[in-house]
Every structure is written in C-alpha cells, then in structure tokens.
Amino acid sequence: MNSFMAEGGDKLSVLARATERLDTGLNDLEALIDYLQARDRAGSPAGHSLAAGRIRRLESSPPEEAR
C-alpha cells in the first residue's frame, strides 16, 4: 500500500499500528510510470487494447411498439 494509507490516512488508524512495515522507497507515481513504460516496451501500451468482442452492435429496426 502507499505510505499515505500505511500511516493511517483516510481514518484507517489501525494500519499505522503495524509493527513490521517495509518501506520500498517507491512512491505510487513512480510505480505507475514504471508499469506504463513496461507495457509500452512490451508492445501493449495502455489505452491501445482491442475490444474483447463481447459487445456487438445489432443493425436492426426498433421494436414496433417503440415507433
């Protein structure tokens, strides 16, 4: 979790009482940037995915009662 939450942010004071915390030194912005750059290098940039094909547009006229 990010340091804001680990320090009890958003009234989650129980998290601040943890006794064995490990600070990675990373912040959430750096982690997001690393993730996005890795996807880009892998040829699958964020926001450039193809539709999964689950939703299809039906080309038909509306039902008779809707006219």
PDB file of N, CA and C in Angstrom:
ATOM      1  N   MET A   1       0.834  -1.174   0.000  1.00  0.00           N
ATOM      2  CA  MET A   1       0.000   0.000   0.000  1.00  0.00           C
ATOM      3  C   MET A   1       0.876   1.233   0.000  1.00  0.00           C
ATOM      4  N   ASN A   2       0.309   2.360  -0.353  1.00  0.00           N
ATOM      5  CA  ASN A   2       1.122   3.573  -0.371  1.00  0.00           C
ATOM      6  C   ASN A   2       1.325   4.104   1.050  1.00  0.00           C
ATOM      7  N   SER A   3       2.261   5.010   1.195  1.00  0.00           N
ATOM      8  CA  SER A   3       2.625   5.491   2.530  1.00  0.00           C
ATOM      9  C   SER A   3       1.486   6.263   3.191  1.00  0.00           C
ATOM     10  N   PHE A   4       0.674   6.946   2.410  1.00  0.00           N
ATOM     11  CA  PHE A   4      -0.472   7.670   2.985  1.00  0.00           C
ATOM     12  C   PHE A   4      -1.383   6.712   3.744  1.00  0.00           C
ATOM     13  N   MET A   5      -1.710   5.601   3.116  1.00  0.00           N
ATOM     14  CA  MET A   5      -2.576   4.627   3.779  1.00  0.00           C
ATOM     15  C   MET A   5      -1.856   3.963   4.947  1.00  0.00           C
ATOM     16  N   ALA A   6      -0.580   3.615   4.764  1.00  0.00           N
ATOM     17  CA  ALA A   6       0.176   2.936   5.821  1.00  0.00           C
ATOM     18  C   ALA A   6       0.318   3.787   7.072  1.00  0.00           C
ATOM     19  N   GLU A   7       0.272   5.084   6.899  1.00  0.00           N
ATOM     20  CA  GLU A   7       0.388   5.979   8.052  1.00  0.00           C
ATOM     21  C   GLU A   7      -0.960   6.334   8.653  1.00  0.00           C
ATOM     22  N   GLY A   8      -2.013   5.646   8.227  1.00  0.00           N
ATOM     23  CA  GLY A   8      -3.327   5.846   8.825  1.00  0.00           C
ATOM     24  C   GLY A   8      -4.216   6.815   8.083  1.00  0.00           C
ATOM     25  N   GLY A   9      -3.860   7.163   6.858  1.00  0.00           N
ATOM     26  CA  GLY A   9      -4.680   8.088   6.076  1.00  0.00           C
ATOM     27  C   GLY A   9      -6.083   7.561   5.851  1.00  0.00           C
ATOM     28  N   ASP A  10      -6.998   8.454   5.561  1.00  0.00           N
ATOM     29  CA  ASP A  10      -8.420   8.134   5.362  1.00  0.00           C
ATOM     30  C   ASP A  10      -9.033   7.447   6.578  1.00  0.00           C
ATOM     31  N   LYS A  11      -8.573   7.831   7.740  1.00  0.00           N
ATOM     32  CA  LYS A  11      -9.108   7.341   9.023  1.00  0.00           C
ATOM     33  C   LYS A  11      -8.904   5.842   9.224  1.00  0.00           C
ATOM     34  N   LEU A  12      -7.854   5.287   8.612  1.00  0.00           N
ATOM     35  CA  LEU A  12      -7.531   3.878   8.812  1.00  0.00           C
ATOM     36  C   LEU A  12      -6.373   3.766   9.800  1.00  0.00           C
ATOM     37  N   SER A  13      -6.608   4.251  10.988  1.00  0.00           N
ATOM     38  CA  SER A  13      -5.552   4.330  12.000  1.00  0.00           C
ATOM     39  C   SER A  13      -4.983   2.965  12.374  1.00  0.00           C
ATOM     40  N   VAL A  14      -5.735   1.905  12.171  1.00  0.00           N
ATOM     41  CA  VAL A  14      -5.236   0.572  12.513  1.00  0.00           C
ATOM     42  C   VAL A  14      -3.995   0.239  11.674  1.00  0.00           C
ATOM     43  N   LEU A  15      -3.912   0.759  10.454  1.00  0.00           N
ATOM     44  CA  LEU A  15      -2.746   0.477   9.616  1.00  0.00           C
ATOM     45  C   LEU A  15      -1.482   1.122  10.172  1.00  0.00           C
ATOM     46  N   ALA A  16      -1.619   2.246  10.819  1.00  0.00           N
ATOM     47  CA  ALA A  16      -0.463   2.947  11.380  1.00  0.00           C
ATOM     48  C   ALA A  16       0.147   2.189  12.557  1.00  0.00           C
ATOM     49  N   ARG A  17      -0.602   1.263  13.126  1.00  0.00           N
ATOM     50  CA  ARG A  17      -0.105   0.496  14.275  1.00  0.00           C
ATOM     51  C   ARG A  17       0.692  -0.737  13.872  1.00  0.00           C
ATOM     52  N   ALA A  18       0.870  -0.965  12.595  1.00  0.00           N
ATOM     53  CA  ALA A  18       1.630  -2.142  12.134  1.00  0.00           C
ATOM     54  C   ALA A  18       3.047  -2.082  12.690  1.00  0.00           C
ATOM     55  N   THR A  19       3.564  -3.227  13.075  1.00  0.00           N
ATOM     56  CA  THR A  19       4.884  -3.259  13.697  1.00  0.00           C
ATOM     57  C   THR A  19       5.988  -3.691  12.738  1.00  0.00           C
ATOM     58  N   GLU A  20       5.646  -4.359  11.653  1.00  0.00           N
ATOM     59  CA  GLU A  20       6.667  -4.835  10.714  1.00  0.00           C
ATOM     60  C   GLU A  20       6.412  -4.255   9.329  1.00  0.00           C
ATOM     61  N   ARG A  21       6.680  -2.971   9.188  1.00  0.00           N
ATOM     62  CA  ARG A  21       6.478  -2.308   7.909  1.00  0.00           C
ATOM     63  C   ARG A  21       7.769  -2.290   7.119  1.00  0.00           C
ATOM     64  N   LEU A  22       7.662  -2.394   5.813  1.00  0.00           N
ATOM     65  CA  LEU A  22       8.810  -2.355   4.929  1.00  0.00           C
ATOM     66  C   LEU A  22       8.594  -1.249   3.914  1.00  0.00           C
ATOM     67  N   ASP A  23       9.427  -0.241   3.952  1.00  0.00           N
ATOM     68  CA  ASP A  23       9.329   0.866   3.012  1.00  0.00           C
ATOM     69  C   ASP A  23      10.198   0.548   1.807  1.00  0.00           C
ATOM     70  N   THR A  24       9.587   0.427   0.648  1.00  0.00           N
ATOM     71  CA  THR A  24      10.324   0.086  -0.572  1.00  0.00           C
ATOM     72  C   THR A  24      11.053   1.282  -1.154  1.00  0.00           C
ATOM     73  N   GLY A  25      10.669   2.476  -0.733  1.00  0.00           N
ATOM     74  CA  GLY A  25      11.268   3.672  -1.279  1.00  0.00           C
ATOM     75  C   GLY A  25      10.589   4.147  -2.554  1.00  0.00           C
ATOM     76  N   LEU A  26       9.663   3.335  -3.069  1.00  0.00           N
ATOM     77  CA  LEU A  26       8.921   3.717  -4.265  1.00  0.00           C
ATOM     78  C   LEU A  26       7.684   4.500  -3.866  1.00  0.00           C
ATOM     79  N   ASN A  27       7.291   5.419  -4.719  1.00  0.00           N
ATOM     80  CA  ASN A  27       6.003   6.044  -4.475  1.00  0.00           C
ATOM     81  C   ASN A  27       5.043   5.606  -5.565  1.00  0.00           C
ATOM     82  N   ASP A  28       3.757   5.857  -5.378  1.00  0.00           N
ATOM     83  CA  ASP A  28       2.764   5.340  -6.304  1.00  0.00           C
ATOM     84  C   ASP A  28       2.910   5.924  -7.711  1.00  0.00           C
ATOM     85  N   LEU A  29       3.347   7.158  -7.843  1.00  0.00           N
ATOM     86  CA  LEU A  29       3.538   7.739  -9.168  1.00  0.00           C
ATOM     87  C   LEU A  29       4.670   7.034  -9.908  1.00  0.00           C
ATOM     88  N   GLU A  30       5.774   6.772  -9.221  1.00  0.00           N
ATOM     89  CA  GLU A  30       6.885   6.057  -9.852  1.00  0.00           C
ATOM     90  C   GLU A  30       6.459   4.654 -10.271  1.00  0.00           C
ATOM     91  N   ALA A  31       5.693   3.976  -9.438  1.00  0.00           N
ATOM     92  CA  ALA A  31       5.225   2.627  -9.761  1.00  0.00           C
ATOM     93  C   ALA A  31       4.319   2.654 -10.992  1.00  0.00           C
ATOM     94  N   LEU A  32       3.439   3.631 -11.085  1.00  0.00           N
ATOM     95  CA  LEU A  32       2.559   3.746 -12.251  1.00  0.00           C
ATOM     96  C   LEU A  32       3.373   4.020 -13.512  1.00  0.00           C
ATOM     97  N   ILE A  33       4.320   4.919 -13.433  1.00  0.00           N
ATOM     98  CA  ILE A  33       5.166   5.228 -14.587  1.00  0.00           C
ATOM     99  C   ILE A  33       5.930   3.987 -15.032  1.00  0.00           C
ATOM    100  N   ASP A  34       6.517   3.258 -14.095  1.00  0.00           N
ATOM    101  CA  ASP A  34       7.240   2.033 -14.428  1.00  0.00           C
ATOM    102  C   ASP A  34       6.334   1.026 -15.130  1.00  0.00           C
ATOM    103  N   TYR A  35       5.126   0.864 -14.621  1.00  0.00           N
ATOM    104  CA  TYR A  35       4.161  -0.074 -15.205  1.00  0.00           C
ATOM    105  C   TYR A  35       3.806   0.327 -16.634  1.00  0.00           C
ATOM    106  N   LEU A  36       3.504   1.602 -16.837  1.00  0.00           N
ATOM    107  CA  LEU A  36       3.111   2.069 -18.166  1.00  0.00           C
ATOM    108  C   LEU A  36       4.266   1.951 -19.158  1.00  0.00           C
ATOM    109  N   GLN A  37       5.471   2.264 -18.716  1.00  0.00           N
ATOM    110  CA  GLN A  37       6.634   2.141 -19.597  1.00  0.00           C
ATOM    111  C   GLN A  37       6.901   0.679 -19.949  1.00  0.00           C
ATOM    112  N   ALA A  38       6.732  -0.218 -18.997  1.00  0.00           N
ATOM    113  CA  ALA A  38       6.943  -1.643 -19.259  1.00  0.00           C
ATOM    114  C   ALA A  38       5.928  -2.159 -20.275  1.00  0.00           C
ATOM    115  N   ARG A  39       4.683  -1.730 -20.157  1.00  0.00           N
ATOM    116  CA  ARG A  39       3.661  -2.135 -21.134  1.00  0.00           C
ATOM    117  C   ARG A  39       4.002  -1.606 -22.513  1.00  0.00           C
ATOM    118  N   ASP A  40       4.478  -0.378 -22.574  1.00  0.00           N
ATOM    119  CA  ASP A  40       4.837   0.218 -23.849  1.00  0.00           C
ATOM    120  C   ASP A  40       5.991  -0.549 -24.499  1.00  0.00           C
ATOM    121  N   ARG A  41       7.007  -0.871 -23.714  1.00  0.00           N
ATOM    122  CA  ARG A  41       8.153  -1.638 -24.239  1.00  0.00           C
ATOM    123  C   ARG A  41       7.733  -3.022 -24.710  1.00  0.00           C
ATOM    124  N   ALA A  42       6.724  -3.602 -24.058  1.00  0.00           N
ATOM    125  CA  ALA A  42       6.252  -4.940 -24.416  1.00  0.00           C
ATOM    126  C   ALA A  42       5.335  -4.917 -25.638  1.00  0.00           C
ATOM    127  N   GLY A  43       5.065  -3.725 -26.170  1.00  0.00           N
ATOM    128  CA  GLY A  43       4.209  -3.618 -27.351  1.00  0.00           C
ATOM    129  C   GLY A  43       2.728  -3.626 -27.047  1.00  0.00           C
ATOM    130  N   SER A  44       2.371  -3.399 -25.795  1.00  0.00           N
ATOM    131  CA  SER A  44       0.962  -3.386 -25.392  1.00  0.00           C
ATOM    132  C   SER A  44       0.678  -2.140 -24.553  1.00  0.00           C
ATOM    133  N   PRO A  45       0.805  -0.952 -25.175  1.00  0.00           N
ATOM    134  CA  PRO A  45       0.628   0.271 -24.386  1.00  0.00           C
ATOM    135  C   PRO A  45      -0.785   0.405 -23.813  1.00  0.00           C
ATOM    136  N   ALA A  46      -0.873   0.993 -22.662  1.00  0.00           N
ATOM    137  CA  ALA A  46      -2.175   1.207 -22.016  1.00  0.00           C
ATOM    138  C   ALA A  46      -3.043   2.080 -22.904  1.00  0.00           C
ATOM    139  N   GLY A  47      -4.308   1.732 -22.997  1.00  0.00           N
ATOM    140  CA  GLY A  47      -5.237   2.507 -23.810  1.00  0.00           C
ATOM    141  C   GLY A  47      -5.279   2.081 -25.255  1.00  0.00           C
ATOM    142  N   HIS A  48      -4.474   1.104 -25.636  1.00  0.00           N
ATOM    143  CA  HIS A  48      -4.449   0.642 -27.015  1.00  0.00           C
ATOM    144  C   HIS A  48      -4.801  -0.828 -27.114  1.00  0.00           C
ATOM    145  N   SER A  49      -5.782  -1.262 -26.376  1.00  0.00           N
ATOM    146  CA  SER A  49      -6.176  -2.661 -26.450  1.00  0.00           C
ATOM    147  C   SER A  49      -7.343  -2.805 -27.419  1.00  0.00           C
ATOM    148  N   LEU A  50      -7.509  -3.977 -27.922  1.00  0.00           N
ATOM    149  CA  LEU A  50      -8.617  -4.265 -28.820  1.00  0.00           C
ATOM    150  C   LEU A  50      -9.821  -4.720 -28.009  1.00  0.00           C
ATOM    151  N   ALA A  51     -10.980  -4.476 -28.558  1.00  0.00           N
ATOM    152  CA  ALA A  51     -12.201  -4.925 -27.888  1.00  0.00           C
ATOM    153  C   ALA A  51     -12.185  -6.445 -27.776  1.00  0.00           C
ATOM    154  N   ALA A  52     -12.746  -6.951 -26.709  1.00  0.00           N
ATOM    155  CA  ALA A  52     -12.760  -8.390 -26.472  1.00  0.00           C
ATOM    156  C   ALA A  52     -13.824  -9.099 -27.296  1.00  0.00           C
ATOM    157  N   GLY A  53     -14.664  -8.350 -27.988  1.00  0.00           N
ATOM    158  CA  GLY A  53     -15.679  -8.961 -28.833  1.00  0.00           C
ATOM    159  C   GLY A  53     -16.929  -9.400 -28.094  1.00  0.00           C
ATOM    160  N   ARG A  54     -17.083  -8.966 -26.846  1.00  0.00           N
ATOM    161  CA  ARG A  54     -18.259  -9.376 -26.075  1.00  0.00           C
ATOM    162  C   ARG A  54     -19.475  -8.520 -26.386  1.00  0.00           C
ATOM    163  N   ILE A  55     -19.246  -7.313 -26.871  1.00  0.00           N
ATOM    164  CA  ILE A  55     -20.353  -6.401 -27.148  1.00  0.00           C
ATOM    165  C   ILE A  55     -20.436  -6.203 -28.649  1.00  0.00           C
ATOM    166  N   ARG A  56     -21.620  -6.400 -29.196  1.00  0.00           N
ATOM    167  CA  ARG A  56     -21.804  -6.246 -30.632  1.00  0.00           C
ATOM    168  C   ARG A  56     -22.967  -5.311 -30.903  1.00  0.00           C
ATOM    169  N   ARG A  57     -22.826  -4.489 -31.922  1.00  0.00           N
ATOM    170  CA  ARG A  57     -23.910  -3.611 -32.349  1.00  0.00           C
ATOM    171  C   ARG A  57     -24.804  -4.398 -33.287  1.00  0.00           C
ATOM    172  N   LEU A  58     -26.098  -4.406 -32.989  1.00  0.00           N
ATOM    173  CA  LEU A  58     -27.065  -5.085 -33.838  1.00  0.00           C
ATOM    174  C   LEU A  58     -27.697  -4.069 -34.774  1.00  0.00           C
ATOM    175  N   GLU A  59     -27.647  -4.344 -36.035  1.00  0.00           N
ATOM    176  CA  GLU A  59     -28.226  -3.449 -37.029  1.00  0.00           C
ATOM    177  C   GLU A  59     -29.652  -3.916 -37.313  1.00  0.00           C
ATOM    178  N   SER A  60     -30.588  -3.425 -36.532  1.00  0.00           N
ATOM    179  CA  SER A  60     -31.994  -3.786 -36.751  1.00  0.00           C
ATOM    180  C   SER A  60     -32.861  -2.592 -36.404  1.00  0.00           C
ATOM    181  N   SER A  61     -34.092  -2.625 -36.864  1.00  0.00           N
ATOM    182  CA  SER A  61     -35.022  -1.540 -36.562  1.00  0.00           C
ATOM    183  C   SER A  61     -35.585  -1.725 -35.166  1.00  0.00           C
ATOM    184  N   PRO A  62     -36.033  -0.632 -34.518  1.00  0.00           N
ATOM    185  CA  PRO A  62     -36.595  -0.754 -33.165  1.00  0.00           C
ATOM    186  C   PRO A  62     -37.883  -1.563 -33.187  1.00  0.00           C
ATOM    187  N   PRO A  63     -38.247  -2.139 -32.046  1.00  0.00           N
ATOM    188  CA  PRO A  63     -39.498  -2.908 -31.966  1.00  0.00           C
ATOM    189  C   PRO A  63     -40.691  -2.039 -32.376  1.00  0.00           C
ATOM    190  N   GLU A  64     -41.720  -2.675 -32.864  1.00  0.00           N
ATOM    191  CA  GLU A  64     -42.931  -1.978 -33.377  1.00  0.00           C
ATOM    192  C   GLU A  64     -43.522  -1.025 -32.341  1.00  0.00           C
ATOM    193  N   GLU A  65     -43.568  -1.415 -31.054  1.00  0.00           N
ATOM    194  CA  GLU A  65     -44.183  -0.575 -30.031  1.00  0.00           C
ATOM    195  C   GLU A  65     -43.329   0.643 -29.723  1.00  0.00           C
ATOM    196  N   ALA A  66     -42.054   0.656 -30.089  1.00  0.00           N
ATOM    197  CA  ALA A  66     -41.180   1.797 -29.815  1.00  0.00           C
ATOM    198  C   ALA A  66     -41.258   2.864 -30.906  1.00  0.00           C
ATOM    199  N   ARG A  67     -41.923   2.559 -32.008  1.00  0.00           N
ATOM    200  CA  ARG A  67     -42.018   3.511 -33.120  1.00  0.00           C
ATOM    201  C   ARG A  67     -43.097   4.532 -32.889  1.00  0.00           C
TER     202      ARG A  67
END
